[in-house]
N, C-alpha and C. Protein backbone atom coordinates (compact mmCIF):
# COMPACT_ATOMS: atom_id res chain seq x y z
N MET A 1 -40.81 -12.61 5.39
CA MET A 1 -41.18 -13.89 4.85
C MET A 1 -41.48 -13.78 3.35
N PHE A 2 -42.27 -12.77 2.95
CA PHE A 2 -42.60 -12.58 1.53
C PHE A 2 -41.33 -12.43 0.71
N GLU A 3 -40.44 -11.54 1.15
CA GLU A 3 -39.22 -11.27 0.40
C GLU A 3 -38.37 -12.53 0.23
N GLU A 4 -38.28 -13.34 1.28
CA GLU A 4 -37.50 -14.57 1.21
C GLU A 4 -38.10 -15.54 0.19
N GLU A 5 -39.42 -15.70 0.23
CA GLU A 5 -40.08 -16.61 -0.70
C GLU A 5 -39.99 -16.10 -2.14
N PHE A 6 -40.12 -14.79 -2.31
CA PHE A 6 -40.01 -14.19 -3.64
C PHE A 6 -38.60 -14.41 -4.19
N MET A 7 -37.61 -14.20 -3.35
CA MET A 7 -36.22 -14.40 -3.76
C MET A 7 -35.95 -15.87 -4.07
N GLU A 8 -36.56 -16.77 -3.33
CA GLU A 8 -36.39 -18.21 -3.57
C GLU A 8 -36.92 -18.59 -4.96
N ILE A 9 -38.08 -18.07 -5.33
CA ILE A 9 -38.65 -18.37 -6.65
C ILE A 9 -37.76 -17.79 -7.75
N GLN A 10 -37.34 -16.54 -7.57
CA GLN A 10 -36.44 -15.93 -8.56
C GLN A 10 -35.16 -16.75 -8.72
N SER A 11 -34.60 -17.18 -7.60
CA SER A 11 -33.37 -17.97 -7.63
C SER A 11 -33.57 -19.27 -8.37
N GLU A 12 -34.72 -19.90 -8.18
CA GLU A 12 -34.99 -21.17 -8.87
C GLU A 12 -35.13 -20.95 -10.37
N ILE A 13 -35.79 -19.87 -10.77
CA ILE A 13 -35.93 -19.54 -12.19
C ILE A 13 -34.55 -19.30 -12.81
N ILE A 14 -33.73 -18.53 -12.11
CA ILE A 14 -32.37 -18.26 -12.58
C ILE A 14 -31.57 -19.56 -12.67
N SER A 15 -31.66 -20.40 -11.67
CA SER A 15 -30.93 -21.68 -11.67
C SER A 15 -31.33 -22.55 -12.85
N LEU A 16 -32.62 -22.60 -13.14
CA LEU A 16 -33.09 -23.38 -14.28
C LEU A 16 -32.50 -22.85 -15.59
N CYS A 17 -32.44 -21.52 -15.71
CA CYS A 17 -31.88 -20.92 -16.92
C CYS A 17 -30.37 -21.15 -17.01
N VAL A 18 -29.67 -21.05 -15.89
CA VAL A 18 -28.23 -21.32 -15.88
C VAL A 18 -27.98 -22.76 -16.30
N GLU A 19 -28.76 -23.68 -15.75
CA GLU A 19 -28.62 -25.10 -16.11
C GLU A 19 -28.93 -25.32 -17.59
N TYR A 20 -29.99 -24.66 -18.09
CA TYR A 20 -30.37 -24.81 -19.49
C TYR A 20 -29.25 -24.33 -20.42
N SER A 21 -28.55 -23.30 -19.99
CA SER A 21 -27.45 -22.77 -20.82
C SER A 21 -26.16 -23.59 -20.64
N LYS A 22 -26.27 -24.66 -19.90
CA LYS A 22 -25.12 -25.53 -19.59
C LYS A 22 -24.02 -24.75 -18.89
N GLU A 23 -24.46 -23.75 -18.10
CA GLU A 23 -23.57 -22.89 -17.31
C GLU A 23 -22.56 -22.13 -18.16
N LEU A 24 -22.91 -21.89 -19.43
CA LEU A 24 -22.01 -21.19 -20.34
C LEU A 24 -22.34 -19.70 -20.48
N ALA A 25 -23.53 -19.28 -20.08
CA ALA A 25 -23.97 -17.90 -20.30
C ALA A 25 -23.34 -16.95 -19.30
N SER A 26 -22.80 -15.86 -19.81
CA SER A 26 -22.27 -14.82 -18.92
C SER A 26 -23.39 -13.88 -18.46
N HIS A 27 -24.44 -13.76 -19.28
CA HIS A 27 -25.61 -12.95 -18.95
C HIS A 27 -26.85 -13.76 -19.36
N ILE A 28 -27.87 -13.70 -18.51
CA ILE A 28 -29.15 -14.31 -18.86
C ILE A 28 -30.22 -13.26 -18.58
N PHE A 29 -31.05 -13.02 -19.58
CA PHE A 29 -32.16 -12.08 -19.47
C PHE A 29 -33.45 -12.90 -19.53
N MET A 30 -34.23 -12.87 -18.46
CA MET A 30 -35.45 -13.66 -18.41
C MET A 30 -36.66 -12.73 -18.48
N TYR A 31 -37.62 -13.11 -19.29
CA TYR A 31 -38.83 -12.31 -19.47
C TYR A 31 -40.04 -13.19 -19.18
N CYS A 32 -40.89 -12.73 -18.28
CA CYS A 32 -42.11 -13.46 -17.96
C CYS A 32 -43.27 -12.48 -17.93
N TYR A 33 -44.35 -12.86 -18.60
CA TYR A 33 -45.57 -12.06 -18.64
C TYR A 33 -46.70 -12.94 -18.14
N MET A 34 -47.40 -12.48 -17.12
CA MET A 34 -48.55 -13.22 -16.59
C MET A 34 -49.67 -12.25 -16.29
N ASN A 35 -50.76 -12.41 -17.02
CA ASN A 35 -51.94 -11.57 -16.84
C ASN A 35 -53.17 -12.46 -17.00
N GLY A 36 -53.73 -12.90 -15.88
CA GLY A 36 -54.85 -13.83 -15.94
C GLY A 36 -54.41 -15.13 -16.59
N GLU A 37 -55.09 -15.50 -17.66
CA GLU A 37 -54.76 -16.74 -18.38
C GLU A 37 -53.62 -16.55 -19.38
N ASN A 38 -53.23 -15.31 -19.65
CA ASN A 38 -52.15 -15.04 -20.60
C ASN A 38 -50.80 -15.25 -19.92
N TYR A 39 -50.01 -16.14 -20.51
CA TYR A 39 -48.71 -16.47 -19.94
C TYR A 39 -47.68 -16.53 -21.07
N PHE A 40 -46.50 -15.96 -20.81
CA PHE A 40 -45.42 -16.01 -21.79
C PHE A 40 -44.10 -15.99 -21.03
N PHE A 41 -43.17 -16.84 -21.44
CA PHE A 41 -41.83 -16.83 -20.87
C PHE A 41 -40.82 -17.09 -21.98
N ASN A 42 -39.72 -16.37 -21.93
CA ASN A 42 -38.59 -16.67 -22.78
C ASN A 42 -37.35 -16.10 -22.10
N ALA A 43 -36.20 -16.49 -22.58
CA ALA A 43 -34.95 -16.01 -21.99
C ALA A 43 -33.94 -15.77 -23.10
N ILE A 44 -33.00 -14.91 -22.79
CA ILE A 44 -31.91 -14.56 -23.70
C ILE A 44 -30.61 -14.95 -23.00
N PHE A 45 -29.75 -15.62 -23.73
CA PHE A 45 -28.49 -16.10 -23.18
C PHE A 45 -27.33 -15.47 -23.94
N ARG A 46 -26.40 -14.87 -23.22
CA ARG A 46 -25.17 -14.36 -23.82
C ARG A 46 -24.09 -15.40 -23.56
N ILE A 47 -23.69 -16.10 -24.63
CA ILE A 47 -22.69 -17.16 -24.52
C ILE A 47 -21.54 -16.79 -25.45
N GLY A 48 -20.39 -16.56 -24.86
CA GLY A 48 -19.25 -16.10 -25.66
C GLY A 48 -19.58 -14.77 -26.29
N LYS A 49 -19.48 -14.70 -27.61
CA LYS A 49 -19.78 -13.45 -28.32
C LYS A 49 -21.12 -13.51 -29.01
N GLU A 50 -21.93 -14.52 -28.69
CA GLU A 50 -23.23 -14.71 -29.34
C GLU A 50 -24.37 -14.53 -28.34
N THR A 51 -25.53 -14.15 -28.88
CA THR A 51 -26.73 -13.97 -28.09
C THR A 51 -27.82 -14.86 -28.66
N TRP A 52 -28.46 -15.65 -27.80
CA TRP A 52 -29.45 -16.64 -28.21
C TRP A 52 -30.69 -16.55 -27.33
N ASN A 53 -31.85 -16.89 -27.89
CA ASN A 53 -33.01 -17.07 -27.02
C ASN A 53 -33.17 -18.58 -26.79
N VAL A 54 -34.19 -18.96 -26.04
CA VAL A 54 -34.37 -20.36 -25.65
C VAL A 54 -34.40 -21.28 -26.87
N GLU A 55 -35.20 -20.94 -27.87
CA GLU A 55 -35.35 -21.81 -29.04
C GLU A 55 -34.10 -21.84 -29.91
N GLU A 56 -33.36 -20.76 -29.96
CA GLU A 56 -32.19 -20.66 -30.82
C GLU A 56 -31.02 -21.53 -30.36
N LEU A 57 -31.05 -21.99 -29.12
CA LEU A 57 -29.96 -22.82 -28.63
C LEU A 57 -29.96 -24.21 -29.27
N GLU A 58 -31.04 -24.56 -29.94
CA GLU A 58 -31.13 -25.80 -30.71
C GLU A 58 -30.79 -27.04 -29.90
N TYR A 59 -31.34 -27.13 -28.72
CA TYR A 59 -31.22 -28.33 -27.92
C TYR A 59 -32.29 -29.32 -28.35
N PRO A 60 -32.15 -30.58 -27.97
CA PRO A 60 -33.19 -31.56 -28.31
C PRO A 60 -34.56 -31.13 -27.79
N GLU A 61 -35.59 -31.46 -28.53
CA GLU A 61 -36.96 -31.03 -28.20
C GLU A 61 -37.35 -31.43 -26.78
N GLU A 62 -36.98 -32.63 -26.35
CA GLU A 62 -37.36 -33.06 -25.00
C GLU A 62 -36.72 -32.20 -23.92
N MET A 63 -35.53 -31.67 -24.19
CA MET A 63 -34.86 -30.77 -23.24
C MET A 63 -35.61 -29.44 -23.15
N LEU A 64 -36.04 -28.94 -24.30
CA LEU A 64 -36.80 -27.70 -24.34
C LEU A 64 -38.14 -27.86 -23.61
N VAL A 65 -38.82 -28.96 -23.85
CA VAL A 65 -40.12 -29.20 -23.21
C VAL A 65 -39.95 -29.31 -21.69
N LYS A 66 -38.93 -30.04 -21.26
CA LYS A 66 -38.67 -30.18 -19.82
C LYS A 66 -38.37 -28.81 -19.20
N PHE A 67 -37.52 -28.03 -19.87
CA PHE A 67 -37.17 -26.70 -19.37
C PHE A 67 -38.42 -25.83 -19.25
N ARG A 68 -39.23 -25.78 -20.29
CA ARG A 68 -40.44 -24.96 -20.27
C ARG A 68 -41.41 -25.40 -19.17
N THR A 69 -41.53 -26.70 -18.94
CA THR A 69 -42.40 -27.22 -17.88
C THR A 69 -41.89 -26.79 -16.51
N LEU A 70 -40.59 -26.93 -16.29
CA LEU A 70 -40.01 -26.53 -15.01
C LEU A 70 -40.15 -25.02 -14.77
N ILE A 71 -39.90 -24.24 -15.81
CA ILE A 71 -40.05 -22.78 -15.70
C ILE A 71 -41.50 -22.41 -15.38
N GLN A 72 -42.43 -23.02 -16.08
CA GLN A 72 -43.84 -22.70 -15.84
C GLN A 72 -44.25 -23.09 -14.42
N ASN A 73 -43.74 -24.20 -13.92
CA ASN A 73 -44.03 -24.60 -12.55
C ASN A 73 -43.55 -23.54 -11.56
N GLU A 74 -42.36 -23.01 -11.80
CA GLU A 74 -41.81 -21.99 -10.89
C GLU A 74 -42.54 -20.65 -11.04
N THR A 75 -42.72 -20.20 -12.27
CA THR A 75 -43.36 -18.89 -12.45
C THR A 75 -44.81 -18.91 -11.97
N SER A 76 -45.48 -20.05 -12.05
CA SER A 76 -46.87 -20.12 -11.58
C SER A 76 -46.97 -19.93 -10.07
N ARG A 77 -45.87 -20.07 -9.38
CA ARG A 77 -45.85 -19.83 -7.93
C ARG A 77 -45.92 -18.33 -7.61
N LEU A 78 -45.51 -17.49 -8.56
CA LEU A 78 -45.46 -16.05 -8.30
C LEU A 78 -46.82 -15.43 -7.97
N PRO A 79 -47.85 -15.58 -8.83
CA PRO A 79 -49.13 -14.96 -8.48
C PRO A 79 -49.72 -15.50 -7.18
N VAL A 80 -49.48 -16.77 -6.90
CA VAL A 80 -49.96 -17.37 -5.65
C VAL A 80 -49.30 -16.70 -4.45
N LEU A 81 -48.00 -16.46 -4.56
CA LEU A 81 -47.26 -15.80 -3.48
C LEU A 81 -47.80 -14.39 -3.23
N PHE A 82 -47.99 -13.62 -4.32
CA PHE A 82 -48.50 -12.26 -4.17
C PHE A 82 -49.90 -12.26 -3.56
N GLU A 83 -50.72 -13.20 -3.98
CA GLU A 83 -52.08 -13.30 -3.44
C GLU A 83 -52.04 -13.68 -1.96
N GLN A 84 -51.18 -14.62 -1.62
CA GLN A 84 -51.06 -15.08 -0.23
C GLN A 84 -50.71 -13.91 0.70
N TYR A 85 -49.85 -13.02 0.24
CA TYR A 85 -49.43 -11.89 1.06
C TYR A 85 -50.22 -10.62 0.76
N LYS A 86 -51.30 -10.76 -0.01
CA LYS A 86 -52.20 -9.66 -0.34
C LYS A 86 -51.46 -8.46 -0.92
N ARG A 87 -50.64 -8.75 -1.91
CA ARG A 87 -49.88 -7.72 -2.62
C ARG A 87 -50.28 -7.76 -4.10
N GLU A 88 -50.19 -6.60 -4.73
CA GLU A 88 -50.48 -6.55 -6.16
C GLU A 88 -49.39 -7.30 -6.92
N ALA A 89 -49.81 -8.22 -7.76
CA ALA A 89 -48.85 -9.02 -8.53
C ALA A 89 -48.44 -8.27 -9.79
N PRO A 90 -47.15 -8.24 -10.07
CA PRO A 90 -46.70 -7.66 -11.34
C PRO A 90 -47.22 -8.50 -12.51
N ILE A 91 -47.33 -7.88 -13.64
CA ILE A 91 -47.72 -8.60 -14.86
C ILE A 91 -46.47 -8.98 -15.65
N GLN A 92 -45.49 -8.11 -15.60
CA GLN A 92 -44.26 -8.34 -16.38
C GLN A 92 -43.06 -8.38 -15.44
N TYR A 93 -42.26 -9.43 -15.62
CA TYR A 93 -41.03 -9.59 -14.85
C TYR A 93 -39.88 -9.63 -15.85
N LYS A 94 -38.89 -8.79 -15.63
CA LYS A 94 -37.65 -8.86 -16.40
C LYS A 94 -36.53 -9.04 -15.39
N ILE A 95 -35.77 -10.10 -15.59
CA ILE A 95 -34.66 -10.40 -14.69
C ILE A 95 -33.39 -10.47 -15.53
N HIS A 96 -32.36 -9.76 -15.10
CA HIS A 96 -31.06 -9.83 -15.77
C HIS A 96 -30.09 -10.41 -14.75
N PHE A 97 -29.55 -11.57 -15.09
CA PHE A 97 -28.59 -12.24 -14.22
C PHE A 97 -27.21 -12.17 -14.87
N LYS A 98 -26.24 -11.66 -14.10
CA LYS A 98 -24.85 -11.62 -14.56
C LYS A 98 -24.09 -12.69 -13.78
N SER A 99 -23.57 -13.67 -14.50
CA SER A 99 -22.90 -14.78 -13.81
C SER A 99 -21.67 -14.31 -13.04
N LYS A 100 -20.96 -13.35 -13.61
CA LYS A 100 -19.78 -12.83 -12.91
C LYS A 100 -20.28 -12.00 -11.71
N GLY A 101 -20.05 -12.51 -10.54
CA GLY A 101 -20.50 -11.83 -9.33
C GLY A 101 -21.91 -12.19 -8.91
N ASN A 102 -22.57 -13.07 -9.66
CA ASN A 102 -23.96 -13.47 -9.33
C ASN A 102 -24.85 -12.27 -9.06
N LYS A 103 -24.87 -11.31 -9.97
CA LYS A 103 -25.66 -10.09 -9.80
C LYS A 103 -27.01 -10.23 -10.49
N ILE A 104 -28.03 -9.71 -9.84
CA ILE A 104 -29.39 -9.78 -10.36
C ILE A 104 -29.97 -8.37 -10.44
N GLU A 105 -30.57 -8.06 -11.59
CA GLU A 105 -31.33 -6.82 -11.74
C GLU A 105 -32.77 -7.24 -12.05
N LEU A 106 -33.71 -6.66 -11.34
CA LEU A 106 -35.11 -7.03 -11.48
C LEU A 106 -35.92 -5.81 -11.86
N ASP A 107 -36.77 -5.96 -12.87
CA ASP A 107 -37.65 -4.88 -13.31
C ASP A 107 -39.07 -5.45 -13.36
N LEU A 108 -39.94 -4.95 -12.50
CA LEU A 108 -41.33 -5.41 -12.43
C LEU A 108 -42.25 -4.32 -12.96
N LYS A 109 -43.26 -4.73 -13.72
CA LYS A 109 -44.26 -3.78 -14.23
C LYS A 109 -45.66 -4.27 -13.85
N TYR A 110 -46.51 -3.32 -13.55
CA TYR A 110 -47.88 -3.61 -13.11
C TYR A 110 -48.86 -3.13 -14.16
N LYS A 111 -50.13 -3.53 -14.02
CA LYS A 111 -51.16 -3.19 -15.01
C LYS A 111 -51.14 -1.72 -15.38
N LYS A 112 -51.09 -0.86 -14.37
CA LYS A 112 -51.17 0.59 -14.63
C LYS A 112 -49.98 1.12 -15.42
N GLU A 113 -48.89 0.35 -15.47
CA GLU A 113 -47.68 0.79 -16.16
C GLU A 113 -47.54 0.25 -17.58
N LEU A 114 -48.41 -0.68 -17.94
CA LEU A 114 -48.25 -1.37 -19.22
C LEU A 114 -49.38 -1.08 -20.18
N ASP A 115 -49.05 -1.11 -21.45
CA ASP A 115 -50.05 -1.09 -22.51
C ASP A 115 -50.45 -2.55 -22.71
N LEU A 116 -51.61 -2.93 -22.18
CA LEU A 116 -52.01 -4.33 -22.18
C LEU A 116 -52.39 -4.83 -23.58
N SER A 117 -52.44 -3.92 -24.56
CA SER A 117 -52.71 -4.37 -25.93
C SER A 117 -51.43 -4.89 -26.59
N MET A 118 -50.29 -4.62 -25.98
CA MET A 118 -49.01 -5.08 -26.54
C MET A 118 -48.87 -6.58 -26.33
N ASN A 119 -48.50 -7.26 -27.39
CA ASN A 119 -48.28 -8.70 -27.34
C ASN A 119 -46.96 -8.98 -26.61
N PRO A 120 -46.98 -9.88 -25.60
CA PRO A 120 -45.73 -10.17 -24.87
C PRO A 120 -44.60 -10.67 -25.77
N GLN A 121 -44.95 -11.39 -26.83
CA GLN A 121 -43.92 -11.87 -27.76
C GLN A 121 -43.23 -10.67 -28.43
N VAL A 122 -44.00 -9.65 -28.80
CA VAL A 122 -43.45 -8.45 -29.42
C VAL A 122 -42.54 -7.72 -28.43
N ILE A 123 -42.97 -7.61 -27.19
CA ILE A 123 -42.16 -6.96 -26.16
C ILE A 123 -40.84 -7.71 -26.00
N PHE A 124 -40.92 -9.04 -25.91
CA PHE A 124 -39.71 -9.85 -25.77
C PHE A 124 -38.80 -9.69 -26.98
N ASP A 125 -39.38 -9.74 -28.18
CA ASP A 125 -38.57 -9.62 -29.40
C ASP A 125 -37.83 -8.28 -29.45
N LYS A 126 -38.48 -7.21 -29.00
CA LYS A 126 -37.81 -5.90 -28.96
C LYS A 126 -36.64 -5.93 -27.97
N TRP A 127 -36.86 -6.57 -26.83
CA TRP A 127 -35.80 -6.68 -25.83
C TRP A 127 -34.65 -7.53 -26.38
N LEU A 128 -34.97 -8.62 -27.05
CA LEU A 128 -33.97 -9.48 -27.66
C LEU A 128 -33.12 -8.70 -28.66
N GLN A 129 -33.76 -7.92 -29.51
CA GLN A 129 -33.01 -7.13 -30.51
C GLN A 129 -32.12 -6.10 -29.82
N ALA A 130 -32.61 -5.48 -28.75
CA ALA A 130 -31.80 -4.50 -28.02
C ALA A 130 -30.58 -5.17 -27.39
N VAL A 131 -30.76 -6.36 -26.83
CA VAL A 131 -29.63 -7.09 -26.23
C VAL A 131 -28.64 -7.49 -27.31
N LYS A 132 -29.14 -7.95 -28.46
CA LYS A 132 -28.24 -8.36 -29.55
C LYS A 132 -27.45 -7.19 -30.10
N LYS A 133 -28.03 -5.98 -30.07
CA LYS A 133 -27.34 -4.79 -30.61
C LYS A 133 -26.37 -4.18 -29.61
N LYS A 134 -26.50 -4.58 -28.34
CA LYS A 134 -25.65 -4.02 -27.29
C LYS A 134 -24.18 -4.30 -27.61
N ILE A 135 -23.34 -3.36 -27.30
CA ILE A 135 -21.90 -3.54 -27.46
C ILE A 135 -21.39 -4.19 -26.19
N TRP A 136 -20.86 -5.40 -26.35
CA TRP A 136 -20.41 -6.19 -25.22
C TRP A 136 -18.92 -6.05 -25.03
N ILE A 137 -18.53 -5.77 -23.82
CA ILE A 137 -17.10 -5.71 -23.48
C ILE A 137 -16.80 -6.97 -22.69
N ILE A 138 -15.96 -7.81 -23.27
CA ILE A 138 -15.65 -9.08 -22.62
C ILE A 138 -14.22 -9.11 -22.14
């Protein structure tokens, strides 16, 4: 039951990101950090030969606000799910979705694995730069 519900939330987050990219992204990298009241989410979209984060896509402000609200609604379900099943909740979620083949790679990190003094924005920015530097074979 836990695994099914966890997969359902992940699928909804991925679906929201696919929709936000107007189904143009070949790869979507989602980053979510949740530690108590500290919350951060952003995503990286590989569209054609370009790499963009959520803000760089330059969509109308109302679209960005709606997307962020929907994402926050979904991600806020995660700690509740872990608590319901009495499992330790990860603090950091990294999801890589490859549209070709609908493949998902998930990387979860817990308190004991993270330097909690690191700013989630800095962690995301480093990941964004690594994705932008990656050599893409299309």
